[in-house]
PDB file of N, CA and C in Angstrom:
ATOM      1  N   MET A   1      90.629  82.399  92.605  1.00  0.00           N
ATOM      2  CA  MET A   1      91.994  82.101  92.983  1.00  0.00           C
ATOM      3  C   MET A   1      92.840  83.366  92.874  1.00  0.00           C
ATOM      4  N   ILE A   2      93.592  83.647  93.905  1.00  0.00           N
ATOM      5  CA  ILE A   2      94.394  84.874  93.926  1.00  0.00           C
ATOM      6  C   ILE A   2      95.577  84.756  92.970  1.00  0.00           C
ATOM      7  N   VAL A   3      95.882  85.855  92.339  1.00  0.00           N
ATOM      8  CA  VAL A   3      97.059  85.906  91.486  1.00  0.00           C
ATOM      9  C   VAL A   3      98.258  85.923  92.432  1.00  0.00           C
ATOM     10  N   HIS A   4      99.025  84.860  92.403  1.00  0.00           N
ATOM     11  CA  HIS A   4     100.179  84.785  93.293  1.00  0.00           C
ATOM     12  C   HIS A   4     101.412  85.097  92.467  1.00  0.00           C
ATOM     13  N   ASN A   5     101.884  86.281  92.633  1.00  0.00           N
ATOM     14  CA  ASN A   5     103.036  86.700  91.847  1.00  0.00           C
ATOM     15  C   ASN A   5     103.938  87.586  92.684  1.00  0.00           C
ATOM     16  N   ARG A   6     104.938  88.095  92.048  1.00  0.00           N
ATOM     17  CA  ARG A   6     105.912  88.917  92.758  1.00  0.00           C
ATOM     18  C   ARG A   6     105.279  90.162  93.384  1.00  0.00           C
ATOM     19  N   MET A   7     104.325  90.781  92.696  1.00  0.00           N
ATOM     20  CA  MET A   7     103.683  91.975  93.236  1.00  0.00           C
ATOM     21  C   MET A   7     103.002  91.663  94.570  1.00  0.00           C
ATOM     22  N   TYR A   8     102.306  90.548  94.643  1.00  0.00           N
ATOM     23  CA  TYR A   8     101.634  90.141  95.877  1.00  0.00           C
ATOM     24  C   TYR A   8     102.664  89.885  96.973  1.00  0.00           C
ATOM     25  N   ASP A   9     103.708  89.142  96.642  1.00  0.00           N
ATOM     26  CA  ASP A   9     104.756  88.853  97.627  1.00  0.00           C
ATOM     27  C   ASP A   9     105.406  90.141  98.134  1.00  0.00           C
ATOM     28  N   ASP A  10     105.676  91.069  97.223  1.00  0.00           N
ATOM     29  CA  ASP A  10     106.284  92.343  97.612  1.00  0.00           C
ATOM     30  C   ASP A  10     105.370  93.129  98.543  1.00  0.00           C
ATOM     31  N   LEU A  11     104.083  93.166  98.233  1.00  0.00           N
ATOM     32  CA  LEU A  11     103.141  93.861  99.113  1.00  0.00           C
ATOM     33  C   LEU A  11     103.170  93.250 100.513  1.00  0.00           C
ATOM     34  N   CYS A  12     103.169  91.934 100.587  1.00  0.00           N
ATOM     35  CA  CYS A  12     103.195  91.262 101.887  1.00  0.00           C
ATOM     36  C   CYS A  12     104.467  91.571 102.662  1.00  0.00           C
ATOM     37  N   ARG A  13     105.595  91.598 101.985  1.00  0.00           N
ATOM     38  CA  ARG A  13     106.864  91.887 102.666  1.00  0.00           C
ATOM     39  C   ARG A  13     106.910  93.320 103.203  1.00  0.00           C
ATOM     40  N   GLU A  14     106.241  94.230 102.523  1.00  0.00           N
ATOM     41  CA  GLU A  14     106.281  95.625 102.964  1.00  0.00           C
ATOM     42  C   GLU A  14     105.510  95.870 104.248  1.00  0.00           C
ATOM     43  N   ILE A  15     104.635  94.966 104.616  1.00  0.00           N
ATOM     44  CA  ILE A  15     103.796  95.193 105.791  1.00  0.00           C
ATOM     45  C   ILE A  15     104.206  94.289 106.946  1.00  0.00           C
ATOM     46  N   ASP A  16     105.508  94.079 107.093  1.00  0.00           N
ATOM     47  CA  ASP A  16     105.979  93.121 108.084  1.00  0.00           C
ATOM     48  C   ASP A  16     106.414  93.734 109.409  1.00  0.00           C
ATOM     49  N   SER A  17     106.143  95.002 109.633  1.00  0.00           N
ATOM     50  CA  SER A  17     106.544  95.585 110.913  1.00  0.00           C
ATOM     51  C   SER A  17     105.535  96.631 111.363  1.00  0.00           C
ATOM     52  N   GLY A  18     105.568  96.901 112.655  1.00  0.00           N
ATOM     53  CA  GLY A  18     104.707  97.928 113.223  1.00  0.00           C
ATOM     54  C   GLY A  18     103.426  97.371 113.808  1.00  0.00           C
ATOM     55  N   ILE A  19     102.657  98.266 114.407  1.00  0.00           N
ATOM     56  CA  ILE A  19     101.371  97.893 114.978  1.00  0.00           C
ATOM     57  C   ILE A  19     100.366  97.736 113.835  1.00  0.00           C
ATOM     58  N   PRO A  20      99.218  97.097 114.083  1.00  0.00           N
ATOM     59  CA  PRO A  20      98.263  96.855 112.998  1.00  0.00           C
ATOM     60  C   PRO A  20      97.897  98.098 112.186  1.00  0.00           C
ATOM     61  N   GLU A  21      97.710  99.226 112.836  1.00  0.00           N
ATOM     62  CA  GLU A  21      97.355 100.444 112.101  1.00  0.00           C
ATOM     63  C   GLU A  21      98.464 100.866 111.148  1.00  0.00           C
ATOM     64  N   GLU A  22      99.708 100.711 111.585  1.00  0.00           N
ATOM     65  CA  GLU A  22     100.844 101.048 110.721  1.00  0.00           C
ATOM     66  C   GLU A  22     100.931 100.083 109.543  1.00  0.00           C
ATOM     67  N   ARG A  23     100.624  98.829 109.788  1.00  0.00           N
ATOM     68  CA  ARG A  23     100.675  97.841 108.715  1.00  0.00           C
ATOM     69  C   ARG A  23      99.616  98.111 107.654  1.00  0.00           C
ATOM     70  N   ILE A  24      98.427  98.486 108.084  1.00  0.00           N
ATOM     71  CA  ILE A  24      97.365  98.835 107.123  1.00  0.00           C
ATOM     72  C   ILE A  24      97.799 100.058 106.324  1.00  0.00           C
ATOM     73  N   ALA A  25      98.385 101.039 106.991  1.00  0.00           N
ATOM     74  CA  ALA A  25      98.865 102.235 106.290  1.00  0.00           C
ATOM     75  C   ALA A  25      99.946 101.861 105.276  1.00  0.00           C
ATOM     76  N   LEU A  26     100.848 100.959 105.651  1.00  0.00           N
ATOM     77  CA  LEU A  26     101.888 100.509 104.725  1.00  0.00           C
ATOM     78  C   LEU A  26     101.278  99.783 103.529  1.00  0.00           C
ATOM     79  N   LEU A  27     100.245  98.990 103.777  1.00  0.00           N
ATOM     80  CA  LEU A  27      99.576  98.288 102.690  1.00  0.00           C
ATOM     81  C   LEU A  27      98.945  99.278 101.711  1.00  0.00           C
ATOM     82  N   LEU A  28      98.237 100.266 102.233  1.00  0.00           N
ATOM     83  CA  LEU A  28      97.607 101.269 101.372  1.00  0.00           C
ATOM     84  C   LEU A  28      98.650 102.074 100.606  1.00  0.00           C
ATOM     85  N   ARG A  29      99.727 102.438 101.283  1.00  0.00           N
ATOM     86  CA  ARG A  29     100.806 103.178 100.622  1.00  0.00           C
ATOM     87  C   ARG A  29     101.436 102.330  99.512  1.00  0.00           C
ATOM     88  N   GLY A  30     101.622 101.043  99.778  1.00  0.00           N
ATOM     89  CA  GLY A  30     102.184 100.150  98.777  1.00  0.00           C
ATOM     90  C   GLY A  30     101.285 100.019  97.559  1.00  0.00           C
ATOM     91  N   ILE A  31      99.984  99.966  97.796  1.00  0.00           N
ATOM     92  CA  ILE A  31      99.030  99.895  96.683  1.00  0.00           C
ATOM     93  C   ILE A  31      99.102 101.173  95.856  1.00  0.00           C
ATOM     94  N   ALA A  32      99.101 102.304  96.530  1.00  0.00           N
ATOM     95  CA  ALA A  32      99.182 103.587  95.816  1.00  0.00           C
ATOM     96  C   ALA A  32     100.480 103.687  95.015  1.00  0.00           C
ATOM     97  N   ASP A  33     101.581 103.249  95.587  1.00  0.00           N
ATOM     98  CA  ASP A  33     102.865 103.273  94.872  1.00  0.00           C
ATOM     99  C   ASP A  33     102.815 102.421  93.607  1.00  0.00           C
ATOM    100  N   ARG A  34     102.166 101.264  93.702  1.00  0.00           N
ATOM    101  CA  ARG A  34     102.081 100.390  92.530  1.00  0.00           C
ATOM    102  C   ARG A  34     101.172 100.953  91.447  1.00  0.00           C
ATOM    103  N   ILE A  35     100.119 101.624  91.850  1.00  0.00           N
ATOM    104  CA  ILE A  35      99.249 102.275  90.866  1.00  0.00           C
ATOM    105  C   ILE A  35     100.038 103.341  90.123  1.00  0.00           C
ATOM    106  N   GLN A  36     100.762 104.150  90.869  1.00  0.00           N
ATOM    107  CA  GLN A  36     101.556 105.207  90.246  1.00  0.00           C
ATOM    108  C   GLN A  36     102.660 104.618  89.367  1.00  0.00           C
ATOM    109  N   ALA A  37     103.316 103.565  89.820  1.00  0.00           N
ATOM    110  CA  ALA A  37     104.411 102.969  89.070  1.00  0.00           C
ATOM    111  C   ALA A  37     103.937 102.232  87.816  1.00  0.00           C
ATOM    112  N   ALA A  38     102.686 101.830  87.794  1.00  0.00           N
ATOM    113  CA  ALA A  38     102.172 101.088  86.640  1.00  0.00           C
ATOM    114  C   ALA A  38     102.149 101.951  85.380  1.00  0.00           C
ATOM    115  N   ASN A  39     102.065 103.263  85.542  1.00  0.00           N
ATOM    116  CA  ASN A  39     102.069 104.169  84.397  1.00  0.00           C
ATOM    117  C   ASN A  39     101.127 103.701  83.295  1.00  0.00           C
ATOM    118  N   ALA A  40      99.940 103.340  83.692  1.00  0.00           N
ATOM    119  CA  ALA A  40      98.904 102.897  82.760  1.00  0.00           C
ATOM    120  C   ALA A  40      99.275 101.608  82.030  1.00  0.00           C
ATOM    121  N   ASN A  41     100.212 100.840  82.556  1.00  0.00           N
ATOM    122  CA  ASN A  41     100.563  99.544  81.984  1.00  0.00           C
ATOM    123  C   ASN A  41      99.421  98.583  82.313  1.00  0.00           C
ATOM    124  N   PRO A  42      98.678  98.144  81.306  1.00  0.00           N
ATOM    125  CA  PRO A  42      97.496  97.325  81.577  1.00  0.00           C
ATOM    126  C   PRO A  42      97.806  95.999  82.275  1.00  0.00           C
ATOM    127  N   VAL A  43      98.957  95.422  82.032  1.00  0.00           N
ATOM    128  CA  VAL A  43      99.294  94.158  82.686  1.00  0.00           C
ATOM    129  C   VAL A  43      99.522  94.380  84.173  1.00  0.00           C
ATOM    130  N   LYS A  44     100.301  95.380  84.520  1.00  0.00           N
ATOM    131  CA  LYS A  44     100.562  95.667  85.935  1.00  0.00           C
ATOM    132  C   LYS A  44      99.281  96.069  86.656  1.00  0.00           C
ATOM    133  N   LEU A  45      98.460  96.897  86.020  1.00  0.00           N
ATOM    134  CA  LEU A  45      97.209  97.307  86.641  1.00  0.00           C
ATOM    135  C   LEU A  45      96.262  96.124  86.819  1.00  0.00           C
ATOM    136  N   THR A  46      96.207  95.240  85.841  1.00  0.00           N
ATOM    137  CA  THR A  46      95.353  94.054  85.937  1.00  0.00           C
ATOM    138  C   THR A  46      95.813  93.155  87.074  1.00  0.00           C
ATOM    139  N   ASP A  47      97.117  92.965  87.220  1.00  0.00           N
ATOM    140  CA  ASP A  47      97.639  92.155  88.325  1.00  0.00           C
ATOM    141  C   ASP A  47      97.246  92.752  89.671  1.00  0.00           C
ATOM    142  N   LEU A  48      97.419  94.050  89.809  1.00  0.00           N
ATOM    143  CA  LEU A  48      97.085  94.709  91.066  1.00  0.00           C
ATOM    144  C   LEU A  48      95.596  94.604  91.358  1.00  0.00           C
ATOM    145  N   VAL A  49      94.769  94.834  90.367  1.00  0.00           N
ATOM    146  CA  VAL A  49      93.318  94.737  90.557  1.00  0.00           C
ATOM    147  C   VAL A  49      92.936  93.313  90.955  1.00  0.00           C
ATOM    148  N   SER A  50      93.546  92.321  90.335  1.00  0.00           N
ATOM    149  CA  SER A  50      93.257  90.926  90.689  1.00  0.00           C
ATOM    150  C   SER A  50      93.608  90.648  92.146  1.00  0.00           C
ATOM    151  N   ILE A  51      94.762  91.105  92.559  1.00  0.00           N
ATOM    152  CA  ILE A  51      95.191  90.914  93.945  1.00  0.00           C
ATOM    153  C   ILE A  51      94.201  91.564  94.908  1.00  0.00           C
ATOM    154  N   LEU A  52      93.762  92.760  94.600  1.00  0.00           N
ATOM    155  CA  LEU A  52      92.872  93.497  95.495  1.00  0.00           C
ATOM    156  C   LEU A  52      91.449  92.964  95.493  1.00  0.00           C
ATOM    157  N   ARG A  53      90.967  92.503  94.367  1.00  0.00           N
ATOM    158  CA  ARG A  53      89.581  92.047  94.271  1.00  0.00           C
ATOM    159  C   ARG A  53      89.375  90.618  94.734  1.00  0.00           C
ATOM    160  N   GLU A  54      90.291  89.748  94.425  1.00  0.00           N
ATOM    161  CA  GLU A  54      90.040  88.332  94.644  1.00  0.00           C
ATOM    162  C   GLU A  54      90.035  87.937  96.114  1.00  0.00           C
ATOM    163  N   HIS A  55      90.997  88.392  96.874  1.00  0.00           N
ATOM    164  CA  HIS A  55      91.065  88.030  98.294  1.00  0.00           C
ATOM    165  C   HIS A  55      91.627  89.176  99.133  1.00  0.00           C
ATOM    166  N   PRO A  56      90.924  90.296  99.187  1.00  0.00           N
ATOM    167  CA  PRO A  56      91.445  91.406  99.991  1.00  0.00           C
ATOM    168  C   PRO A  56      91.555  91.031 101.470  1.00  0.00           C
ATOM    169  N   ASP A  57      90.715  90.104 101.917  1.00  0.00           N
ATOM    170  CA  ASP A  57      90.774  89.672 103.310  1.00  0.00           C
ATOM    171  C   ASP A  57      92.122  89.037 103.650  1.00  0.00           C
ATOM    172  N   LYS A  58      92.731  88.344 102.698  1.00  0.00           N
ATOM    173  CA  LYS A  58      94.043  87.745 102.962  1.00  0.00           C
ATOM    174  C   LYS A  58      95.108  88.816 103.149  1.00  0.00           C
ATOM    175  N   LEU A  59      95.043  89.868 102.359  1.00  0.00           N
ATOM    176  CA  LEU A  59      96.011  90.955 102.535  1.00  0.00           C
ATOM    177  C   LEU A  59      95.809  91.632 103.886  1.00  0.00           C
ATOM    178  N   VAL A  60      94.560  91.840 104.278  1.00  0.00           N
ATOM    179  CA  VAL A  60      94.287  92.482 105.570  1.00  0.00           C
ATOM    180  C   VAL A  60      94.746  91.582 106.709  1.00  0.00           C
ATOM    181  N   ARG A  61      94.443  90.289 106.624  1.00  0.00           N
ATOM    182  CA  ARG A  61      94.911  89.376 107.676  1.00  0.00           C
ATOM    183  C   ARG A  61      96.429  89.379 107.754  1.00  0.00           C
ATOM    184  N   THR A  62      97.086  89.421 106.612  1.00  0.00           N
ATOM    185  CA  THR A  62      98.546  89.472 106.596  1.00  0.00           C
ATOM    186  C   THR A  62      99.028  90.739 107.278  1.00  0.00           C
ATOM    187  N   ALA A  63      98.365  91.846 107.000  1.00  0.00           N
ATOM    188  CA  ALA A  63      98.760  93.122 107.598  1.00  0.00           C
ATOM    189  C   ALA A  63      98.545  93.135 109.104  1.00  0.00           C
ATOM    190  N   LEU A  64      97.552  92.408 109.581  1.00  0.00           N
ATOM    191  CA  LEU A  64      97.230  92.436 111.001  1.00  0.00           C
ATOM    192  C   LEU A  64      97.981  91.382 111.816  1.00  0.00           C
ATOM    193  N   ARG A  65      98.563  90.409 111.160  1.00  0.00           N
ATOM    194  CA  ARG A  65      99.286  89.353 111.850  1.00  0.00           C
ATOM    195  C   ARG A  65     100.574  89.856 112.464  1.00  0.00           C
ATOM    196  N   LYS A  66     100.881  89.387 113.646  1.00  0.00           N
ATOM    197  CA  LYS A  66     102.110  89.809 114.312  1.00  0.00           C
ATOM    198  C   LYS A  66     103.329  89.175 113.664  1.00  0.00           C
ATOM    199  N   ASN A  67     103.297  87.893 113.393  1.00  0.00           N
ATOM    200  CA  ASN A  67     104.416  87.212 112.737  1.00  0.00           C
ATOM    201  C   ASN A  67     104.046  87.014 111.279  1.00  0.00           C
ATOM    202  N   LEU A  68     104.609  87.817 110.420  1.00  0.00           N
ATOM    203  CA  LEU A  68     104.248  87.813 109.017  1.00  0.00           C
ATOM    204  C   LEU A  68     104.784  86.592 108.287  1.00  0.00           C
ATOM    205  N   THR A  69     103.880  85.951 107.570  1.00  0.00           N
ATOM    206  CA  THR A  69     104.272  84.939 106.589  1.00  0.00           C
ATOM    207  C   THR A  69     103.420  85.212 105.373  1.00  0.00           C
ATOM    208  N   VAL A  70     103.947  84.952 104.205  1.00  0.00           N
ATOM    209  CA  VAL A  70     103.207  85.209 102.978  1.00  0.00           C
ATOM    210  C   VAL A  70     102.030  84.256 102.899  1.00  0.00           C
ATOM    211  N   VAL A  71     100.845  84.794 102.665  1.00  0.00           N
ATOM    212  CA  VAL A  71      99.629  84.003 102.540  1.00  0.00           C
ATOM    213  C   VAL A  71      99.589  83.404 101.155  1.00  0.00           C
ATOM    214  N   GLN A  72      99.336  82.111 101.071  1.00  0.00           N
ATOM    215  CA  GLN A  72      99.268  81.461  99.761  1.00  0.00           C
ATOM    216  C   GLN A  72      97.867  81.057  99.448  1.00  0.00           C
TER     217      GLN A  72
END
């Protein structure tokens, strides 16, 4: 089960515009920003890892969709 939290919702909102390639780039940039912002905070890093490991296909589908809605 995916960790459904604010971090996941924020990632989804950041990839709501552009062509599919731009959306994937925005997703990767958003992930990198969160890693850097976590500053070795184990809770934030664990949340991000859970989001990325559990259902990465949902994030990719969200990034590739033309009309963005948050995947639940």
